[in-house]
Amino acid sequence: MPENLFAQWRQLFAGGPLQVGEVTAYVDGIATVELPGGGLLHARGDTTIGAHVFVRDGVIQGPAPDLPLDSAEV
């Protein structure tokens, strides 16, 4: 069976950025994720409150390590 043409077309484009954050709320499969800069986003997937996760295009990609954040402007 040939692959879906729409799926082939979508593979031509790069996905969104991979972001990391801490889950602050989780209801019915939707997590509220707080980003290091203080922003919030909603993502689908399985997780728990307090977990650090990787998020891309509104979907939780998996767990992220719980490392200290160090940022600086150049």
PDB file of N, CA and C in Angstrom:
ATOM      1  N   MET A   1       0.842  -1.173   0.000  1.00  0.00           N
ATOM      2  CA  MET A   1       0.000   0.000   0.000  1.00  0.00           C
ATOM      3  C   MET A   1       0.894   1.245   0.000  1.00  0.00           C
ATOM      4  N   PRO A   2       0.680   2.214  -0.882  1.00  0.00           N
ATOM      5  CA  PRO A   2       1.505   3.418  -0.932  1.00  0.00           C
ATOM      6  C   PRO A   2       1.265   4.294   0.304  1.00  0.00           C
ATOM      7  N   GLU A   3       2.318   5.030   0.678  1.00  0.00           N
ATOM      8  CA  GLU A   3       2.220   5.923   1.834  1.00  0.00           C
ATOM      9  C   GLU A   3       1.302   7.095   1.502  1.00  0.00           C
ATOM     10  N   ASN A   4       0.649   7.615   2.506  1.00  0.00           N
ATOM     11  CA  ASN A   4      -0.234   8.764   2.381  1.00  0.00           C
ATOM     12  C   ASN A   4       0.535   9.951   1.790  1.00  0.00           C
ATOM     13  N   LEU A   5       0.036  10.566   0.737  1.00  0.00           N
ATOM     14  CA  LEU A   5       0.716  11.692   0.088  1.00  0.00           C
ATOM     15  C   LEU A   5       0.835  12.898   1.009  1.00  0.00           C
ATOM     16  N   PHE A   6      -0.193  13.116   1.843  1.00  0.00           N
ATOM     17  CA  PHE A   6      -0.123  14.236   2.780  1.00  0.00           C
ATOM     18  C   PHE A   6       1.005  14.015   3.781  1.00  0.00           C
ATOM     19  N   ALA A   7       1.186  12.800   4.265  1.00  0.00           N
ATOM     20  CA  ALA A   7       2.273  12.495   5.206  1.00  0.00           C
ATOM     21  C   ALA A   7       3.631  12.721   4.537  1.00  0.00           C
ATOM     22  N   GLN A   8       3.764  12.347   3.285  1.00  0.00           N
ATOM     23  CA  GLN A   8       5.013  12.578   2.554  1.00  0.00           C
ATOM     24  C   GLN A   8       5.286  14.072   2.410  1.00  0.00           C
ATOM     25  N   TRP A   9       4.247  14.836   2.123  1.00  0.00           N
ATOM     26  CA  TRP A   9       4.379  16.286   1.952  1.00  0.00           C
ATOM     27  C   TRP A   9       4.813  16.941   3.256  1.00  0.00           C
ATOM     28  N   ARG A  10       4.228  16.529   4.400  1.00  0.00           N
ATOM     29  CA  ARG A  10       4.572  17.111   5.704  1.00  0.00           C
ATOM     30  C   ARG A  10       6.008  16.810   6.096  1.00  0.00           C
ATOM     31  N   GLN A  11       6.545  15.692   5.664  1.00  0.00           N
ATOM     32  CA  GLN A  11       7.919  15.331   5.999  1.00  0.00           C
ATOM     33  C   GLN A  11       8.938  16.250   5.328  1.00  0.00           C
ATOM     34  N   LEU A  12       8.513  16.998   4.313  1.00  0.00           N
ATOM     35  CA  LEU A  12       9.403  17.931   3.635  1.00  0.00           C
ATOM     36  C   LEU A  12       9.727  19.155   4.487  1.00  0.00           C
ATOM     37  N   PHE A  13       8.893  19.432   5.494  1.00  0.00           N
ATOM     38  CA  PHE A  13       9.041  20.618   6.319  1.00  0.00           C
ATOM     39  C   PHE A  13       9.618  20.260   7.683  1.00  0.00           C
ATOM     40  N   ALA A  14      10.442  21.151   8.195  1.00  0.00           N
ATOM     41  CA  ALA A  14      11.018  20.942   9.530  1.00  0.00           C
ATOM     42  C   ALA A  14       9.929  21.117  10.581  1.00  0.00           C
ATOM     43  N   GLY A  15      10.041  20.368  11.667  1.00  0.00           N
ATOM     44  CA  GLY A  15       9.112  20.511  12.777  1.00  0.00           C
ATOM     45  C   GLY A  15       9.427  21.776  13.560  1.00  0.00           C
ATOM     46  N   GLY A  16       8.590  22.071  14.524  1.00  0.00           N
ATOM     47  CA  GLY A  16       8.813  23.233  15.376  1.00  0.00           C
ATOM     48  C   GLY A  16       9.997  22.994  16.310  1.00  0.00           C
ATOM     49  N   PRO A  17      10.362  24.016  17.055  1.00  0.00           N
ATOM     50  CA  PRO A  17      11.501  23.885  17.963  1.00  0.00           C
ATOM     51  C   PRO A  17      11.193  22.918  19.100  1.00  0.00           C
ATOM     52  N   LEU A  18      12.218  22.247  19.578  1.00  0.00           N
ATOM     53  CA  LEU A  18      12.082  21.363  20.737  1.00  0.00           C
ATOM     54  C   LEU A  18      12.284  22.221  21.978  1.00  0.00           C
ATOM     55  N   GLN A  19      11.254  22.293  22.824  1.00  0.00           N
ATOM     56  CA  GLN A  19      11.311  23.120  24.019  1.00  0.00           C
ATOM     57  C   GLN A  19      11.297  22.219  25.249  1.00  0.00           C
ATOM     58  N   VAL A  20      11.775  22.750  26.356  1.00  0.00           N
ATOM     59  CA  VAL A  20      11.788  21.998  27.605  1.00  0.00           C
ATOM     60  C   VAL A  20      11.121  22.852  28.683  1.00  0.00           C
ATOM     61  N   GLY A  21      10.395  22.195  29.576  1.00  0.00           N
ATOM     62  CA  GLY A  21       9.746  22.927  30.652  1.00  0.00           C
ATOM     63  C   GLY A  21       9.246  21.984  31.721  1.00  0.00           C
ATOM     64  N   GLU A  22       8.650  22.575  32.757  1.00  0.00           N
ATOM     65  CA  GLU A  22       8.132  21.810  33.890  1.00  0.00           C
ATOM     66  C   GLU A  22       6.611  21.799  33.841  1.00  0.00           C
ATOM     67  N   VAL A  23       6.025  20.629  34.043  1.00  0.00           N
ATOM     68  CA  VAL A  23       4.573  20.476  34.027  1.00  0.00           C
ATOM     69  C   VAL A  23       4.015  21.063  35.315  1.00  0.00           C
ATOM     70  N   THR A  24       3.117  22.050  35.179  1.00  0.00           N
ATOM     71  CA  THR A  24       2.513  22.692  36.351  1.00  0.00           C
ATOM     72  C   THR A  24       1.074  22.266  36.570  1.00  0.00           C
ATOM     73  N   ALA A  25       0.437  21.704  35.537  1.00  0.00           N
ATOM     74  CA  ALA A  25      -0.940  21.205  35.658  1.00  0.00           C
ATOM     75  C   ALA A  25      -1.150  20.120  34.612  1.00  0.00           C
ATOM     76  N   TYR A  26      -2.050  19.183  34.930  1.00  0.00           N
ATOM     77  CA  TYR A  26      -2.341  18.092  33.986  1.00  0.00           C
ATOM     78  C   TYR A  26      -3.788  17.671  34.160  1.00  0.00           C
ATOM     79  N   VAL A  27      -4.594  17.859  33.099  1.00  0.00           N
ATOM     80  CA  VAL A  27      -6.010  17.518  33.138  1.00  0.00           C
ATOM     81  C   VAL A  27      -6.412  16.884  31.823  1.00  0.00           C
ATOM     82  N   ASP A  28      -6.979  15.682  31.881  1.00  0.00           N
ATOM     83  CA  ASP A  28      -7.524  14.990  30.704  1.00  0.00           C
ATOM     84  C   ASP A  28      -6.531  14.892  29.539  1.00  0.00           C
ATOM     85  N   GLY A  29      -5.283  14.575  29.826  1.00  0.00           N
ATOM     86  CA  GLY A  29      -4.294  14.387  28.771  1.00  0.00           C
ATOM     87  C   GLY A  29      -3.660  15.651  28.245  1.00  0.00           C
ATOM     88  N   ILE A  30      -4.002  16.811  28.823  1.00  0.00           N
ATOM     89  CA  ILE A  30      -3.424  18.089  28.399  1.00  0.00           C
ATOM     90  C   ILE A  30      -2.597  18.649  29.559  1.00  0.00           C
ATOM     91  N   ALA A  31      -1.324  18.907  29.308  1.00  0.00           N
ATOM     92  CA  ALA A  31      -0.427  19.433  30.333  1.00  0.00           C
ATOM     93  C   ALA A  31      -0.183  20.920  30.102  1.00  0.00           C
ATOM     94  N   THR A  32      -0.109  21.670  31.179  1.00  0.00           N
ATOM     95  CA  THR A  32       0.358  23.049  31.131  1.00  0.00           C
ATOM     96  C   THR A  32       1.834  23.008  31.488  1.00  0.00           C
ATOM     97  N   VAL A  33       2.668  23.501  30.593  1.00  0.00           N
ATOM     98  CA  VAL A  33       4.117  23.427  30.759  1.00  0.00           C
ATOM     99  C   VAL A  33       4.669  24.844  30.903  1.00  0.00           C
ATOM    100  N   GLU A  34       5.422  25.065  31.991  1.00  0.00           N
ATOM    101  CA  GLU A  34       6.070  26.359  32.209  1.00  0.00           C
ATOM    102  C   GLU A  34       7.481  26.297  31.645  1.00  0.00           C
ATOM    103  N   LEU A  35       7.775  27.210  30.719  1.00  0.00           N
ATOM    104  CA  LEU A  35       9.084  27.273  30.084  1.00  0.00           C
ATOM    105  C   LEU A  35      10.066  28.027  30.979  1.00  0.00           C
ATOM    106  N   PRO A  36      11.369  27.836  30.790  1.00  0.00           N
ATOM    107  CA  PRO A  36      12.375  28.500  31.638  1.00  0.00           C
ATOM    108  C   PRO A  36      12.240  30.022  31.679  1.00  0.00           C
ATOM    109  N   GLY A  37      11.786  30.642  30.596  1.00  0.00           N
ATOM    110  CA  GLY A  37      11.628  32.092  30.563  1.00  0.00           C
ATOM    111  C   GLY A  37      10.356  32.583  31.217  1.00  0.00           C
ATOM    112  N   GLY A  38       9.508  31.655  31.708  1.00  0.00           N
ATOM    113  CA  GLY A  38       8.272  32.038  32.375  1.00  0.00           C
ATOM    114  C   GLY A  38       7.030  31.871  31.522  1.00  0.00           C
ATOM    115  N   GLY A  39       7.191  31.585  30.231  1.00  0.00           N
ATOM    116  CA  GLY A  39       6.039  31.389  29.364  1.00  0.00           C
ATOM    117  C   GLY A  39       5.334  30.069  29.658  1.00  0.00           C
ATOM    118  N   LEU A  40       4.082  29.993  29.240  1.00  0.00           N
ATOM    119  CA  LEU A  40       3.298  28.773  29.416  1.00  0.00           C
ATOM    120  C   LEU A  40       2.851  28.254  28.069  1.00  0.00           C
ATOM    121  N   LEU A  41       2.750  26.937  27.959  1.00  0.00           N
ATOM    122  CA  LEU A  41       2.166  26.339  26.761  1.00  0.00           C
ATOM    123  C   LEU A  41       1.392  25.094  27.169  1.00  0.00           C
ATOM    124  N   HIS A  42       0.492  24.667  26.297  1.00  0.00           N
ATOM    125  CA  HIS A  42      -0.299  23.461  26.527  1.00  0.00           C
ATOM    126  C   HIS A  42       0.170  22.392  25.556  1.00  0.00           C
ATOM    127  N   ALA A  43       0.290  21.164  26.068  1.00  0.00           N
ATOM    128  CA  ALA A  43       0.771  20.062  25.238  1.00  0.00           C
ATOM    129  C   ALA A  43       0.010  18.788  25.577  1.00  0.00           C
ATOM    130  N   ARG A  44      -0.219  17.958  24.547  1.00  0.00           N
ATOM    131  CA  ARG A  44      -0.886  16.660  24.734  1.00  0.00           C
ATOM    132  C   ARG A  44       0.154  15.605  25.065  1.00  0.00           C
ATOM    133  N   GLY A  45      -0.254  14.625  25.871  1.00  0.00           N
ATOM    134  CA  GLY A  45       0.626  13.507  26.166  1.00  0.00           C
ATOM    135  C   GLY A  45       0.503  13.053  27.607  1.00  0.00           C
ATOM    136  N   ASP A  46       1.208  11.975  27.921  1.00  0.00           N
ATOM    137  CA  ASP A  46       1.191  11.420  29.267  1.00  0.00           C
ATOM    138  C   ASP A  46       2.343  11.987  30.082  1.00  0.00           C
ATOM    139  N   THR A  47       2.035  12.483  31.276  1.00  0.00           N
ATOM    140  CA  THR A  47       3.048  13.043  32.166  1.00  0.00           C
ATOM    141  C   THR A  47       2.470  13.174  33.560  1.00  0.00           C
ATOM    142  N   THR A  48       3.234  13.746  34.453  1.00  0.00           N
ATOM    143  CA  THR A  48       2.767  14.017  35.808  1.00  0.00           C
ATOM    144  C   THR A  48       3.161  15.442  36.189  1.00  0.00           C
ATOM    145  N   ILE A  49       2.445  15.993  37.159  1.00  0.00           N
ATOM    146  CA  ILE A  49       2.754  17.341  37.632  1.00  0.00           C
ATOM    147  C   ILE A  49       4.144  17.335  38.275  1.00  0.00           C
ATOM    148  N   GLY A  50       4.947  18.328  37.936  1.00  0.00           N
ATOM    149  CA  GLY A  50       6.300  18.449  38.461  1.00  0.00           C
ATOM    150  C   GLY A  50       7.363  17.837  37.563  1.00  0.00           C
ATOM    151  N   ALA A  51       6.941  17.070  36.562  1.00  0.00           N
ATOM    152  CA  ALA A  51       7.897  16.438  35.650  1.00  0.00           C
ATOM    153  C   ALA A  51       8.475  17.477  34.690  1.00  0.00           C
ATOM    154  N   HIS A  52       9.701  17.257  34.259  1.00  0.00           N
ATOM    155  CA  HIS A  52      10.315  18.069  33.210  1.00  0.00           C
ATOM    156  C   HIS A  52      10.160  17.293  31.904  1.00  0.00           C
ATOM    157  N   VAL A  53       9.686  17.981  30.861  1.00  0.00           N
ATOM    158  CA  VAL A  53       9.388  17.305  29.594  1.00  0.00           C
ATOM    159  C   VAL A  53       9.916  18.095  28.405  1.00  0.00           C
ATOM    160  N   PHE A  54      10.142  17.369  27.309  1.00  0.00           N
ATOM    161  CA  PHE A  54      10.432  17.979  26.014  1.00  0.00           C
ATOM    162  C   PHE A  54       9.107  18.093  25.261  1.00  0.00           C
ATOM    163  N   VAL A  55       8.872  19.254  24.607  1.00  0.00           N
ATOM    164  CA  VAL A  55       7.630  19.507  23.870  1.00  0.00           C
ATOM    165  C   VAL A  55       7.972  20.017  22.485  1.00  0.00           C
ATOM    166  N   ARG A  56       7.281  19.472  21.480  1.00  0.00           N
ATOM    167  CA  ARG A  56       7.423  19.965  20.107  1.00  0.00           C
ATOM    168  C   ARG A  56       6.041  19.972  19.474  1.00  0.00           C
ATOM    169  N   ASP A  57       5.669  21.104  18.878  1.00  0.00           N
ATOM    170  CA  ASP A  57       4.399  21.249  18.164  1.00  0.00           C
ATOM    171  C   ASP A  57       3.199  20.833  19.009  1.00  0.00           C
ATOM    172  N   GLY A  58       3.214  21.178  20.311  1.00  0.00           N
ATOM    173  CA  GLY A  58       2.076  20.908  21.179  1.00  0.00           C
ATOM    174  C   GLY A  58       1.936  19.468  21.629  1.00  0.00           C
ATOM    175  N   VAL A  59       2.998  18.671  21.459  1.00  0.00           N
ATOM    176  CA  VAL A  59       2.979  17.267  21.857  1.00  0.00           C
ATOM    177  C   VAL A  59       4.185  16.991  22.745  1.00  0.00           C
ATOM    178  N   ILE A  60       3.950  16.314  23.864  1.00  0.00           N
ATOM    179  CA  ILE A  60       5.052  15.941  24.750  1.00  0.00           C
ATOM    180  C   ILE A  60       5.850  14.844  24.066  1.00  0.00           C
ATOM    181  N   GLN A  61       7.148  15.093  23.875  1.00  0.00           N
ATOM    182  CA  GLN A  61       8.026  14.147  23.197  1.00  0.00           C
ATOM    183  C   GLN A  61       8.620  13.125  24.152  1.00  0.00           C
ATOM    184  N   GLY A  62       8.727  13.487  25.437  1.00  0.00           N
ATOM    185  CA  GLY A  62       9.285  12.576  26.417  1.00  0.00           C
ATOM    186  C   GLY A  62       9.821  13.326  27.608  1.00  0.00           C
ATOM    187  N   PRO A  63      10.353  12.581  28.579  1.00  0.00           N
ATOM    188  CA  PRO A  63      10.891  13.225  29.781  1.00  0.00           C
ATOM    189  C   PRO A  63      12.201  13.947  29.490  1.00  0.00           C
ATOM    190  N   ALA A  64      12.419  15.026  30.221  1.00  0.00           N
ATOM    191  CA  ALA A  64      13.664  15.792  30.112  1.00  0.00           C
ATOM    192  C   ALA A  64      14.403  15.681  31.446  1.00  0.00           C
ATOM    193  N   PRO A  65      15.713  15.794  31.425  1.00  0.00           N
ATOM    194  CA  PRO A  65      16.458  15.730  32.688  1.00  0.00           C
ATOM    195  C   PRO A  65      16.162  16.950  33.558  1.00  0.00           C
ATOM    196  N   ASP A  66      16.210  16.761  34.852  1.00  0.00           N
ATOM    197  CA  ASP A  66      15.980  17.838  35.806  1.00  0.00           C
ATOM    198  C   ASP A  66      17.322  18.493  36.125  1.00  0.00           C
ATOM    199  N   LEU A  67      17.741  19.406  35.268  1.00  0.00           N
ATOM    200  CA  LEU A  67      19.032  20.063  35.408  1.00  0.00           C
ATOM    201  C   LEU A  67      18.841  21.525  35.777  1.00  0.00           C
ATOM    202  N   PRO A  68      19.813  22.137  36.447  1.00  0.00           N
ATOM    203  CA  PRO A  68      19.699  23.574  36.762  1.00  0.00           C
ATOM    204  C   PRO A  68      19.759  24.393  35.474  1.00  0.00           C
ATOM    205  N   LEU A  69      19.035  25.512  35.474  1.00  0.00           N
ATOM    206  CA  LEU A  69      18.989  26.397  34.317  1.00  0.00           C
ATOM    207  C   LEU A  69      20.009  27.510  34.488  1.00  0.00           C
ATOM    208  N   ASP A  70      20.794  27.741  33.449  1.00  0.00           N
ATOM    209  CA  ASP A  70      21.767  28.823  33.443  1.00  0.00           C
ATOM    210  C   ASP A  70      21.638  29.531  32.122  1.00  0.00           C
ATOM    211  N   SER A  71      21.228  30.785  32.140  1.00  0.00           N
ATOM    212  CA  SER A  71      21.071  31.515  30.891  1.00  0.00           C
ATOM    213  C   SER A  71      21.767  32.869  31.000  1.00  0.00           C
ATOM    214  N   ALA A  72      22.218  33.360  29.850  1.00  0.00           N
ATOM    215  CA  ALA A  72      22.886  34.659  29.799  1.00  0.00           C
ATOM    216  C   ALA A  72      22.612  35.281  28.446  1.00  0.00           C
ATOM    217  N   GLU A  73      22.573  36.590  28.415  1.00  0.00           N
ATOM    218  CA  GLU A  73      22.405  37.297  27.152  1.00  0.00           C
ATOM    219  C   GLU A  73      23.762  37.720  26.640  1.00  0.00           C
ATOM    220  N   VAL A  74      23.927  37.612  25.325  1.00  0.00           N
ATOM    221  CA  VAL A  74      25.197  37.982  24.707  1.00  0.00           C
ATOM    222  C   VAL A  74      24.978  39.170  23.823  1.00  0.00           C
TER     223      VAL A  74
END
